[in-house]
Amino acid sequence: MKKLATLAIMAACLLAGTQHADSCTNLIVGKKASVDGSVICTYNCDSFGSARSLSYSAPGKHEPGEKVIVRGRRDPSIVHYIAQAPYTYAVTGLMNEKQVSIMETTWGGRKELRNPDGALDYFALMHLALQRSASAREAIAVMHALVQEYGYSETGESFAVCDKEEAWIMELIGKGPGRVGAVWVARRVPDDHICAYANASRIRQFPQAKKVDKKLGFCVTKDGDTMYSADVISFAREMGYFDGADADFSFREAYGPLDWGAIRYCEARVWSFYRRHYSKEVMDSYLPFLNGDLREHDELPLWIKPDAPVSYRDIQRDMRDHYEGTALDMTSDISAGPWASPYRNQPLNFQAPDGTPMFRERPIGCQQSGLTMVCRMRSWLPDALGGITYFNLDDATMVAYVPVYCGINRIPEPFRRENNSITEFSFDSAFWMCNWVANMVYPRWSAMYPDLLEAQVELEDYFEADQAAVEAHAAGLTVGELSDYLTGKSIAYTNRMMQRWDKLAKLLIVKHNDQIMRPSKDGEIVPGRHTSPAYAPAFVDAVLQATGERYVRKELVQ
């Protein structure tokens, strides 16, 4: 009898909820650009109104004829049947047991190219590829084969496809109603470079092969560092998106051309990441581009070589970026309010009373993140130990990244789907414990954030310091013992985070009750006189300018 395995797209991959995760950020670091030779990729999954979770799917051998049930992400009543692979690898979150990781950001592109009848959305495609691939290159080939056979149901998508040796960027879009398959380009990030994606297509011209690889069914350049669907150019011609010479073909211009919003809300995030690791003077020359002036620059580099090697802790900090220290700094003007907050209320776009169209900045770190992860792949260690997902639920700025090894055999309870309901607060939920703290800090940033930062650094320093002992202990373990040990460590790290965040939440309400500040040390209230947090200078100046003499202290007039 043929067996059926169910792939519940949102739950099986990561998500518990049905919101479209269309505002995400991926950062990528090649192995020679990192301080220790690891490949790094990241994911902020940004979507309002959704609780998130972490998933685990076990490895397994499968019978001939076995099928996977794929349910529609928009409509779970729609069912598609996908042929199962003979063997599937274990997957924890978005990293499999071979240290292959796949991240995503959505850029939409040509709306007419969405095929609602396609069997696979991007999360189904990612998860199936992770189950079936031992390398990044294999994952790209698997994704191509799957969409060719079963169809792709979404719009334009960028993927960071990485393993312990290589990092790739892949852009893909469907062919529209009634057409199975997709057009795509994938390029290997140079080992000594960094790259980023943030909801905008970024691949333009690319090296081209002389012919199609008949075995793979797509094109691969002679150096092996660029792959693309055989019809990526011819399909653009057919649709009227391109009519020039093949050598001039730009994937972005054909399938996902930029508008002002894509530049300011999306490319600006890439710019800020690059600016942290490259010449600030050079990167600031792109400011006119970010403001819509394309005369000097009409694109950012696809990737850059950083001025110095990058650590995973650097990348964790990059995931918390709000343009601090740049011309777009969100803490330095009146819109930051009295407590210099880098967070803004919705909506992203709004109007002044006179009808002037306005907007707010859209940084890498934002309150709508449902989860955040930094994936680190290390070739010199056994896969089970070498692959780490630094993970938590909620905004990267507001959480401590918890190490979860790819060799675990079950998910820590606070990260499990059943403990993270969007409609019910729970002290057992990492999502709600992190959101509890974050929503106290957002409106009173300058007063409360130092307390959060203290707890965050304390935990992340501890997790980093503990790794040497973990690696030493792991060296003498069997495969089964190692899986149990790493599962126990991941659970212990998660529990430590939950306990520290419970302590932090209780400290915040006591220390800052009635908008004052009681003294504290090491996360505990200590004796002393309370103080009042100072207003941000930009706020005070704006109040003075707007109200004139109204709030100016005056001497008595006799």
Protein backbone atom coordinates (compact mmCIF):
# COMPACT_ATOMS: atom_id res chain seq x y z
CA MET A 1 0.00 0.00 0.00
CA LYS A 2 1.34 3.42 -0.94
CA LYS A 3 1.95 5.74 1.98
CA LEU A 4 1.18 9.45 2.18
CA ALA A 5 3.24 11.92 4.17
CA THR A 6 1.75 15.33 4.88
CA LEU A 7 3.82 18.45 4.39
CA ALA A 8 1.89 21.13 6.31
CA ILE A 9 3.65 24.01 4.68
CA MET A 10 3.61 26.71 7.32
CA ALA A 11 3.96 24.41 10.32
CA ALA A 12 6.42 21.96 8.84
CA CYS A 13 8.82 24.63 7.79
CA LEU A 14 8.67 27.19 10.54
CA LEU A 15 5.43 29.00 10.81
CA ALA A 16 2.26 28.70 12.79
CA GLY A 17 -0.14 31.12 11.17
CA THR A 18 -1.26 32.11 7.71
CA GLN A 19 0.05 35.63 7.19
CA HIS A 20 2.13 36.18 4.07
CA ALA A 21 5.77 36.68 5.11
CA ASP A 22 6.57 39.21 2.40
CA SER A 23 8.87 41.60 4.25
CA CYS A 24 12.04 39.75 5.17
CA THR A 25 15.82 40.28 5.18
CA ASN A 26 18.63 37.83 4.31
CA LEU A 27 22.32 38.51 4.93
CA ILE A 28 24.99 36.19 3.48
CA VAL A 29 28.68 35.73 4.37
CA GLY A 30 31.11 33.61 2.32
CA LYS A 31 33.53 31.34 4.17
CA LYS A 32 36.59 33.51 3.46
CA ALA A 33 34.72 36.64 4.55
CA SER A 34 34.03 35.23 8.01
CA VAL A 35 36.52 35.27 10.87
CA ASP A 36 36.57 31.50 11.30
CA GLY A 37 35.78 30.08 7.86
CA SER A 38 32.10 29.49 8.50
CA VAL A 39 29.40 30.25 5.93
CA ILE A 40 26.64 32.41 7.42
CA CYS A 41 23.14 33.30 6.27
CA THR A 42 20.27 34.97 8.11
CA TYR A 43 16.53 35.46 8.10
CA ASN A 44 14.23 38.01 9.70
CA CYS A 45 10.74 36.72 8.92
CA ASP A 46 8.58 39.84 9.10
CA SER A 47 4.81 39.53 9.19
CA PHE A 48 2.30 41.26 11.43
CA GLY A 49 -0.20 39.22 13.40
CA SER A 50 1.47 35.82 13.29
CA ALA A 51 2.99 33.76 16.08
CA ARG A 52 5.96 31.75 14.88
CA SER A 53 7.61 28.49 15.85
CA LEU A 54 10.50 26.20 15.03
CA SER A 55 9.97 22.82 13.44
CA TYR A 56 11.72 19.51 13.14
CA SER A 57 11.22 16.77 10.58
CA ALA A 58 12.98 13.45 11.12
CA PRO A 59 15.12 11.70 8.51
CA GLY A 60 13.68 8.66 6.80
CA LYS A 61 13.75 6.06 4.06
CA HIS A 62 10.65 5.91 1.87
CA GLU A 63 8.94 3.26 -0.21
CA PRO A 64 8.59 3.47 -4.00
CA GLY A 65 5.35 5.23 -4.90
CA GLU A 66 5.09 7.09 -1.60
CA LYS A 67 3.60 10.58 -1.89
CA VAL A 68 3.86 13.82 0.04
CA ILE A 69 0.66 15.81 0.57
CA VAL A 70 1.26 19.53 0.05
CA ARG A 71 -1.54 21.78 1.25
CA GLY A 72 -2.02 25.26 -0.12
CA ARG A 73 -0.62 28.06 1.99
CA ARG A 74 -3.45 30.44 1.14
CA ASP A 75 -6.12 27.73 1.11
CA PRO A 76 -5.24 24.54 3.08
CA SER A 77 -8.20 22.74 1.52
CA ILE A 78 -6.28 22.63 -1.78
CA VAL A 79 -4.20 19.45 -1.87
CA HIS A 80 -1.37 18.44 -4.20
CA TYR A 81 0.53 15.15 -4.27
CA ILE A 82 4.32 15.19 -4.70
CA ALA A 83 6.41 12.06 -5.27
CA GLN A 84 8.47 11.30 -2.18
CA ALA A 85 12.25 10.98 -2.37
CA PRO A 86 13.84 7.60 -1.52
CA TYR A 87 15.56 9.23 1.47
CA THR A 88 14.90 12.52 3.26
CA TYR A 89 17.30 14.33 5.58
CA ALA A 90 16.36 15.68 8.98
CA VAL A 91 15.45 19.39 8.92
CA THR A 92 15.47 21.74 11.90
CA GLY A 93 13.93 25.08 11.01
CA LEU A 94 15.62 26.02 7.73
CA MET A 95 18.80 23.94 8.08
CA ASN A 96 19.12 20.25 7.39
CA GLU A 97 21.41 17.64 8.91
CA LYS A 98 24.01 18.22 6.16
CA GLN A 99 24.28 21.92 7.09
CA VAL A 100 22.33 23.04 4.02
CA SER A 101 20.28 26.18 4.74
CA ILE A 102 17.74 28.03 2.61
CA MET A 103 16.41 31.51 3.48
CA GLU A 104 13.98 33.69 1.50
CA THR A 105 12.65 37.16 0.78
CA THR A 106 9.69 37.99 -1.45
CA TRP A 107 9.87 40.72 -4.09
CA GLY A 108 6.70 40.11 -6.09
CA GLY A 109 7.69 41.32 -9.54
CA ARG A 110 5.37 40.79 -12.50
CA LYS A 111 1.99 39.98 -10.98
CA GLU A 112 0.78 38.29 -14.15
CA LEU A 113 3.43 35.59 -13.65
CA ARG A 114 1.80 34.10 -10.58
CA ASN A 115 0.30 30.67 -11.31
CA PRO A 116 -2.44 29.95 -8.72
CA ASP A 117 -2.60 26.32 -9.87
CA GLY A 118 1.04 25.59 -9.10
CA ALA A 119 1.51 22.96 -6.40
CA LEU A 120 4.46 24.59 -4.64
CA ASP A 121 4.77 27.87 -2.81
CA TYR A 122 8.16 29.07 -1.66
CA PHE A 123 8.07 27.44 1.78
CA ALA A 124 7.05 24.07 0.36
CA LEU A 125 9.80 24.38 -2.22
CA MET A 126 12.39 25.26 0.43
CA HIS A 127 11.41 22.47 2.79
CA LEU A 128 11.30 19.78 0.11
CA ALA A 129 14.72 20.90 -1.14
CA LEU A 130 16.16 20.77 2.38
CA GLN A 131 14.85 17.25 2.85
CA ARG A 132 16.42 16.10 -0.44
CA SER A 133 19.76 17.94 -0.71
CA ALA A 134 23.26 17.35 0.65
CA SER A 135 24.68 20.58 -0.78
CA ALA A 136 23.60 24.04 -1.90
CA ARG A 137 24.15 23.14 -5.55
CA GLU A 138 22.01 20.06 -5.18
CA ALA A 139 19.29 22.13 -3.49
CA ILE A 140 19.15 24.51 -6.48
CA ALA A 141 18.88 21.56 -8.87
CA VAL A 142 16.12 20.02 -6.73
CA MET A 143 14.18 23.30 -6.66
CA HIS A 144 14.42 23.52 -10.45
CA ALA A 145 13.21 19.94 -10.91
CA LEU A 146 10.30 20.39 -8.49
CA VAL A 147 8.91 23.55 -10.10
CA GLN A 148 9.35 22.05 -13.56
CA GLU A 149 7.24 19.05 -12.60
CA TYR A 150 4.71 20.48 -10.17
CA GLY A 151 4.54 24.21 -10.81
CA TYR A 152 5.23 27.26 -8.66
CA SER A 153 2.32 29.20 -7.16
CA GLU A 154 3.98 32.39 -5.88
CA THR A 155 5.46 35.59 -7.30
CA GLY A 156 9.10 36.68 -7.36
CA GLU A 157 11.31 35.23 -4.66
CA SER A 158 14.96 35.46 -3.67
CA PHE A 159 16.62 32.56 -1.87
CA ALA A 160 19.90 32.35 0.03
CA VAL A 161 20.98 28.75 -0.57
CA CYS A 162 24.04 27.88 1.52
CA ASP A 163 26.06 24.96 2.84
CA LYS A 164 29.29 24.58 4.81
CA GLU A 165 31.41 25.44 1.74
CA GLU A 166 29.38 27.73 -0.54
CA ALA A 167 26.80 30.51 -0.47
CA TRP A 168 24.43 31.11 -3.39
CA ILE A 169 21.79 33.66 -4.24
CA MET A 170 18.89 32.46 -6.37
CA GLU A 171 16.03 34.51 -7.84
CA LEU A 172 12.95 32.76 -9.16
CA ILE A 173 9.54 33.70 -10.54
CA GLY A 174 6.72 31.66 -12.09
CA LYS A 175 5.41 31.81 -15.64
CA GLY A 176 1.78 32.69 -15.03
CA PRO A 177 -1.55 30.84 -15.16
CA GLY A 178 -1.51 27.59 -17.10
CA ARG A 179 2.29 27.40 -17.32
CA VAL A 180 4.21 24.88 -15.22
CA GLY A 181 7.75 25.77 -14.20
CA ALA A 182 9.64 28.95 -13.36
CA VAL A 183 12.44 31.12 -14.67
CA TRP A 184 15.41 31.69 -12.40
CA VAL A 185 19.06 32.63 -11.99
CA ALA A 186 21.46 31.49 -9.25
CA ARG A 187 24.90 32.95 -8.61
CA ARG A 188 27.58 31.84 -6.19
CA VAL A 189 28.64 34.54 -3.76
CA PRO A 190 32.47 34.84 -3.92
CA ASP A 191 33.94 33.19 -0.84
CA ASP A 192 35.55 36.43 0.37
CA HIS A 193 32.42 38.56 -0.10
CA ILE A 194 29.18 39.38 1.70
CA CYS A 195 25.75 39.86 0.14
CA ALA A 196 22.21 40.79 1.17
CA TYR A 197 18.60 40.64 -0.04
CA ALA A 198 15.60 42.55 1.29
CA ASN A 199 12.41 42.18 -0.78
CA ALA A 200 13.82 43.46 -4.07
CA SER A 201 15.24 41.60 -7.05
CA ARG A 202 19.02 42.16 -7.16
CA ILE A 203 20.48 40.05 -9.98
CA ARG A 204 20.93 41.99 -13.20
CA GLN A 205 23.34 40.84 -15.94
CA PHE A 206 25.03 37.49 -15.30
CA PRO A 207 27.61 35.21 -17.00
CA GLN A 208 26.02 32.92 -19.58
CA ALA A 209 26.70 29.37 -20.71
CA LYS A 210 27.04 28.28 -24.36
CA LYS A 211 24.49 25.47 -24.04
CA VAL A 212 22.09 23.72 -21.70
CA ASP A 213 23.38 20.97 -19.42
CA LYS A 214 21.18 18.13 -20.68
CA LYS A 215 21.60 16.04 -17.54
CA LEU A 216 20.53 18.86 -15.21
CA GLY A 217 18.03 20.47 -17.58
CA PHE A 218 19.36 23.99 -17.03
CA CYS A 219 22.41 26.09 -17.87
CA VAL A 220 25.68 26.10 -15.93
CA THR A 221 28.59 28.38 -16.79
CA LYS A 222 32.06 26.96 -17.43
CA ASP A 223 33.34 28.05 -14.01
CA GLY A 224 30.28 26.52 -12.36
CA ASP A 225 29.46 29.70 -10.43
CA THR A 226 26.29 30.70 -12.31
CA MET A 227 23.24 28.54 -13.03
CA TYR A 228 19.97 29.53 -14.67
CA SER A 229 16.87 28.14 -16.35
CA ALA A 230 17.36 27.56 -20.06
CA ASP A 231 14.45 29.81 -21.02
CA VAL A 232 15.09 32.73 -18.64
CA ILE A 233 15.88 35.05 -21.58
CA SER A 234 13.62 33.56 -24.26
CA PHE A 235 10.60 33.66 -21.94
CA ALA A 236 11.25 37.37 -21.24
CA ARG A 237 11.30 37.98 -24.99
CA GLU A 238 8.07 36.02 -25.44
CA MET A 239 6.35 38.11 -22.75
CA GLY A 240 7.64 41.42 -24.14
CA TYR A 241 9.86 42.17 -21.13
CA PHE A 242 13.12 42.26 -23.14
CA ASP A 243 14.19 42.75 -26.76
CA GLY A 244 17.95 43.38 -26.65
CA ALA A 245 21.04 41.22 -27.10
CA ASP A 246 21.36 38.21 -24.79
CA ALA A 247 24.53 39.63 -23.23
CA ASP A 248 22.57 42.71 -22.08
CA PHE A 249 19.77 40.75 -20.42
CA SER A 250 19.01 41.79 -16.82
CA PHE A 251 16.92 39.45 -14.72
CA ARG A 252 15.79 42.28 -12.46
CA GLU A 253 14.75 44.65 -15.21
CA ALA A 254 12.80 41.88 -16.93
CA TYR A 255 11.03 40.28 -13.98
CA GLY A 256 11.27 42.61 -10.95
CA PRO A 257 12.05 46.22 -11.94
CA LEU A 258 12.63 48.59 -9.03
CA ASP A 259 10.31 51.42 -8.10
CA TRP A 260 10.91 54.12 -5.49
CA GLY A 261 9.55 51.97 -2.66
CA ALA A 262 11.75 49.00 -3.56
CA ILE A 263 14.79 51.26 -3.42
CA ARG A 264 14.01 53.10 -0.19
CA TYR A 265 12.34 50.32 1.79
CA CYS A 266 14.38 47.36 0.48
CA GLU A 267 17.69 48.35 -1.08
CA ALA A 268 18.30 50.75 1.82
CA ARG A 269 18.53 47.75 4.15
CA VAL A 270 21.21 46.23 1.91
CA TRP A 271 23.02 49.59 1.81
CA SER A 272 23.09 49.85 5.61
CA PHE A 273 24.49 46.32 5.95
CA TYR A 274 27.23 47.05 3.43
CA ARG A 275 28.02 50.36 5.12
CA ARG A 276 28.73 48.54 8.38
CA HIS A 277 31.45 46.47 6.71
CA TYR A 278 32.81 48.67 3.95
CA SER A 279 33.93 52.27 3.36
CA LYS A 280 31.30 54.60 4.80
CA GLU A 281 32.41 57.32 2.40
CA VAL A 282 31.90 55.07 -0.62
CA MET A 283 28.58 53.74 0.60
CA ASP A 284 27.31 57.25 1.40
CA SER A 285 27.80 58.13 -2.27
CA TYR A 286 24.73 55.93 -2.84
CA LEU A 287 22.46 58.17 -0.73
CA PRO A 288 21.07 59.99 -3.80
CA PHE A 289 20.12 56.56 -5.21
CA LEU A 290 18.24 55.76 -1.99
CA ASN A 291 16.35 59.03 -2.45
CA GLY A 292 15.35 58.13 -6.00
CA ASP A 293 18.09 59.94 -7.94
CA LEU A 294 19.47 57.38 -10.42
CA ARG A 295 21.81 59.67 -12.34
CA GLU A 296 25.04 58.60 -10.61
CA HIS A 297 24.06 55.15 -9.31
CA ASP A 298 21.13 53.01 -10.39
CA GLU A 299 22.01 49.95 -8.31
CA LEU A 300 23.95 48.75 -5.29
CA PRO A 301 26.71 46.17 -5.77
CA LEU A 302 25.35 42.63 -5.78
CA TRP A 303 28.04 41.74 -3.23
CA ILE A 304 31.07 43.42 -1.65
CA LYS A 305 34.36 42.35 -0.08
CA PRO A 306 34.23 43.53 3.55
CA ASP A 307 37.05 45.66 4.95
CA ALA A 308 37.60 43.08 7.71
CA PRO A 309 36.44 39.50 8.34
CA VAL A 310 32.95 39.24 9.79
CA SER A 311 31.92 37.19 12.84
CA TYR A 312 28.55 35.62 13.51
CA ARG A 313 28.19 38.03 16.44
CA ASP A 314 28.70 40.92 13.99
CA ILE A 315 25.92 39.49 11.84
CA GLN A 316 23.62 39.15 14.84
CA ARG A 317 24.14 42.86 15.48
CA ASP A 318 23.52 43.60 11.79
CA MET A 319 20.14 41.92 12.10
CA ARG A 320 19.26 44.56 14.70
CA ASP A 321 20.07 47.54 12.48
CA HIS A 322 17.89 50.68 12.45
CA TYR A 323 20.27 52.82 10.37
CA GLU A 324 22.01 54.03 13.52
CA GLY A 325 24.83 56.45 12.75
CA THR A 326 23.74 57.01 9.15
CA ALA A 327 21.81 59.72 7.31
CA LEU A 328 18.72 57.54 7.79
CA ASP A 329 19.17 57.13 11.57
CA MET A 330 15.75 56.47 13.07
CA THR A 331 16.68 57.64 16.59
CA SER A 332 17.78 61.17 15.80
CA ASP A 333 14.74 63.24 14.80
CA ILE A 334 11.36 64.22 16.21
CA SER A 335 9.66 61.10 14.85
CA ALA A 336 11.70 59.09 17.39
CA GLY A 337 9.61 60.67 20.16
CA PRO A 338 10.69 61.64 23.68
CA TRP A 339 12.62 58.38 24.23
CA ALA A 340 14.58 58.32 20.92
CA SER A 341 12.96 55.11 19.72
CA PRO A 342 13.97 53.56 16.37
CA TYR A 343 10.49 52.03 16.10
CA ARG A 344 7.53 53.58 14.33
CA ASN A 345 3.84 52.84 14.33
CA GLN A 346 2.15 51.65 11.19
CA PRO A 347 1.39 52.45 8.42
CA LEU A 348 4.57 52.63 6.35
CA ASN A 349 2.99 55.23 4.05
CA PHE A 350 0.75 58.09 5.23
CA GLN A 351 -0.32 61.62 4.34
CA ALA A 352 0.19 64.99 5.95
CA PRO A 353 -2.96 67.07 6.61
CA ASP A 354 -2.29 69.00 3.40
CA GLY A 355 -2.14 65.75 1.39
CA THR A 356 1.65 65.56 1.14
CA PRO A 357 2.61 61.88 0.73
CA MET A 358 4.94 60.73 3.51
CA PHE A 359 6.65 57.56 4.67
CA ARG A 360 8.67 56.12 7.52
CA GLU A 361 11.93 54.23 7.21
CA ARG A 362 11.88 50.45 6.94
CA PRO A 363 15.05 49.03 8.63
CA ILE A 364 16.35 45.47 9.01
CA GLY A 365 15.21 45.36 12.65
CA CYS A 366 11.45 45.88 12.92
CA GLN A 367 8.67 45.08 15.36
CA GLN A 368 6.74 42.85 12.95
CA SER A 369 9.42 40.14 12.88
CA GLY A 370 7.83 36.86 13.94
CA LEU A 371 11.15 35.07 14.12
CA THR A 372 14.82 35.70 13.53
CA MET A 373 17.72 33.35 12.81
CA VAL A 374 21.42 33.42 12.04
CA CYS A 375 22.58 30.13 10.48
CA ARG A 376 26.23 29.21 10.80
CA MET A 377 27.71 26.30 8.84
CA ARG A 378 31.19 24.99 9.79
CA SER A 379 33.01 22.51 7.54
CA TRP A 380 35.69 21.47 10.04
CA LEU A 381 33.20 19.93 12.49
CA PRO A 382 30.83 16.98 12.22
CA ASP A 383 27.61 18.15 10.56
CA ALA A 384 25.46 17.60 13.66
CA LEU A 385 27.71 19.93 15.65
CA GLY A 386 28.92 22.23 12.87
CA GLY A 387 25.50 23.56 11.89
CA ILE A 388 23.98 26.01 14.37
CA THR A 389 20.82 28.08 14.00
CA TYR A 390 20.91 31.01 16.42
CA PHE A 391 17.17 31.41 16.83
CA ASN A 392 14.39 33.20 18.62
CA LEU A 393 10.82 34.37 18.17
CA ASP A 394 10.19 38.12 17.63
CA ASP A 395 12.29 41.11 16.58
CA ALA A 396 16.05 40.44 16.48
CA THR A 397 16.74 43.64 18.45
CA MET A 398 14.51 42.52 21.28
CA VAL A 399 15.67 38.93 21.75
CA ALA A 400 18.74 36.90 22.63
CA TYR A 401 19.83 34.50 19.90
CA VAL A 402 19.67 30.91 21.20
CA PRO A 403 21.96 28.24 19.66
CA VAL A 404 20.03 25.28 18.24
CA TYR A 405 22.20 22.58 16.65
CA CYS A 406 21.20 20.96 13.37
CA GLY A 407 21.88 17.53 14.90
CA ILE A 408 19.05 17.68 17.45
CA ASN A 409 16.18 15.19 17.50
CA ARG A 410 13.42 17.34 19.01
CA ILE A 411 12.53 21.01 19.39
CA PRO A 412 12.83 22.86 22.73
CA GLU A 413 9.34 23.29 24.19
CA PRO A 414 9.23 27.13 24.14
CA PHE A 415 9.83 27.07 20.36
CA ARG A 416 7.23 24.42 19.53
CA ARG A 417 4.15 25.32 17.52
CA GLU A 418 1.64 24.19 20.13
CA ASN A 419 3.18 26.52 22.72
CA ASN A 420 3.04 29.63 20.53
CA SER A 421 -0.55 30.59 19.84
CA ILE A 422 -1.23 34.06 18.44
CA THR A 423 -4.49 34.28 20.39
CA GLU A 424 -3.37 33.22 23.88
CA PHE A 425 -0.53 34.47 26.06
CA SER A 426 1.57 31.77 27.70
CA PHE A 427 4.59 31.85 29.98
CA ASP A 428 5.70 28.67 28.18
CA SER A 429 5.83 30.50 24.82
CA ALA A 430 9.09 32.05 23.62
CA PHE A 431 7.03 34.20 21.25
CA TRP A 432 4.97 35.69 24.07
CA MET A 433 7.81 36.04 26.58
CA CYS A 434 9.83 37.96 23.99
CA ASN A 435 6.86 40.06 22.89
CA TRP A 436 5.96 40.81 26.51
CA VAL A 437 9.36 42.42 27.01
CA ALA A 438 9.51 44.05 23.57
CA ASN A 439 6.18 45.79 23.89
CA MET A 440 7.23 47.37 27.17
CA VAL A 441 10.48 48.62 25.62
CA TYR A 442 9.24 49.94 22.25
CA PRO A 443 7.58 53.17 23.49
CA ARG A 444 10.21 53.91 26.18
CA TRP A 445 13.32 52.96 24.28
CA SER A 446 16.11 55.09 25.77
CA ALA A 447 14.94 54.35 29.31
CA MET A 448 14.35 50.60 29.03
CA TYR A 449 16.57 49.30 26.24
CA PRO A 450 19.77 49.33 28.34
CA ASP A 451 18.19 46.76 30.67
CA LEU A 452 17.25 44.55 27.73
CA LEU A 453 20.71 44.94 26.18
CA GLU A 454 22.32 43.86 29.45
CA ALA A 455 20.31 40.62 29.48
CA GLN A 456 20.85 40.04 25.77
CA VAL A 457 24.64 40.42 25.98
CA GLU A 458 24.80 38.31 29.13
CA LEU A 459 23.06 35.40 27.43
CA GLU A 460 24.83 35.64 24.09
CA ASP A 461 28.24 35.91 25.79
CA TYR A 462 27.40 32.80 27.81
CA PHE A 463 26.28 30.84 24.74
CA GLU A 464 29.46 31.80 22.88
CA ALA A 465 31.76 30.96 25.79
CA ASP A 466 30.12 27.55 26.24
CA GLN A 467 30.86 26.38 22.69
CA ALA A 468 34.45 25.28 23.34
CA ALA A 469 33.28 22.96 26.11
CA VAL A 470 30.49 21.61 23.90
CA GLU A 471 32.90 20.84 21.07
CA ALA A 472 35.38 19.18 23.44
CA HIS A 473 32.69 16.99 25.00
CA ALA A 474 31.20 16.10 21.62
CA ALA A 475 34.49 14.75 20.28
CA GLY A 476 34.19 11.44 22.10
CA LEU A 477 30.51 10.70 21.44
CA THR A 478 28.86 8.25 19.09
CA VAL A 479 26.38 9.54 16.51
CA GLY A 480 23.39 8.70 18.71
CA GLU A 481 25.03 10.08 21.84
CA LEU A 482 25.93 13.28 20.00
CA SER A 483 22.34 13.84 18.86
CA ASP A 484 21.02 13.41 22.41
CA TYR A 485 23.75 15.64 23.84
CA LEU A 486 23.16 18.46 21.36
CA THR A 487 19.41 18.20 21.88
CA GLY A 488 19.95 18.56 25.62
CA LYS A 489 22.23 21.56 25.16
CA SER A 490 19.76 23.30 22.81
CA ILE A 491 16.96 22.70 25.31
CA ALA A 492 19.12 23.97 28.20
CA TYR A 493 20.05 27.12 26.26
CA THR A 494 16.39 27.79 25.44
CA ASN A 495 15.32 27.31 29.04
CA ARG A 496 18.08 29.62 30.24
CA MET A 497 16.82 32.30 27.83
CA MET A 498 13.23 31.88 29.02
CA GLN A 499 14.26 32.20 32.67
CA ARG A 500 16.36 35.29 32.00
CA TRP A 501 13.56 36.91 29.98
CA ASP A 502 11.08 36.23 32.78
CA LYS A 503 13.47 37.96 35.17
CA LEU A 504 13.90 40.84 32.70
CA ALA A 505 10.15 41.35 32.25
CA LYS A 506 9.62 41.55 36.00
CA LEU A 507 12.56 43.92 36.41
CA LEU A 508 11.20 46.27 33.74
CA ILE A 509 7.76 46.64 35.33
CA VAL A 510 9.23 47.26 38.79
CA LYS A 511 12.15 49.46 37.77
CA HIS A 512 10.14 51.63 35.37
CA ASN A 513 6.78 51.71 37.13
CA ASP A 514 4.96 55.03 36.66
CA GLN A 515 7.61 56.11 34.12
CA ILE A 516 10.43 56.59 36.62
CA MET A 517 13.68 54.62 36.91
CA ARG A 518 14.66 52.76 40.06
CA PRO A 519 18.35 51.82 40.33
CA SER A 520 19.36 48.27 39.44
CA LYS A 521 22.46 46.11 39.16
CA ASP A 522 22.88 42.73 37.46
CA GLY A 523 19.18 42.56 36.74
CA GLU A 524 18.09 43.26 40.32
CA ILE A 525 16.60 46.36 41.97
CA VAL A 526 19.03 47.93 44.46
CA PRO A 527 18.49 50.61 47.15
CA GLY A 528 18.69 54.18 45.96
CA ARG A 529 16.71 57.17 44.81
CA HIS A 530 14.72 56.88 41.61
CA THR A 531 15.38 59.15 38.65
CA SER A 532 13.43 60.28 35.60
CA PRO A 533 14.67 59.38 32.11
CA ALA A 534 15.76 62.38 30.07
CA TYR A 535 13.87 63.46 26.96
CA ALA A 536 15.66 63.09 23.64
CA PRO A 537 17.25 66.44 22.57
CA ALA A 538 15.57 66.33 19.15
CA PHE A 539 12.19 65.96 20.85
CA VAL A 540 12.81 68.85 23.24
CA ASP A 541 13.96 71.09 20.42
CA ALA A 542 10.91 70.21 18.31
CA VAL A 543 8.55 70.95 21.20
CA LEU A 544 10.23 74.32 21.73
CA GLN A 545 10.00 75.19 18.05
CA ALA A 546 6.36 74.11 17.80
CA THR A 547 5.06 75.68 21.03
CA GLY A 548 7.21 78.78 21.40
CA GLU A 549 7.08 80.20 24.93
CA ARG A 550 4.32 77.92 26.23
CA TYR A 551 6.60 75.43 28.07
CA VAL A 552 9.53 77.78 28.76
CA ARG A 553 10.14 78.26 32.50
CA LYS A 554 9.93 81.92 33.50
CA GLU A 555 10.88 84.06 36.44
CA LEU A 556 8.14 85.53 38.60
CA VAL A 557 7.00 88.99 37.62
CA GLN A 558 6.34 91.16 40.67
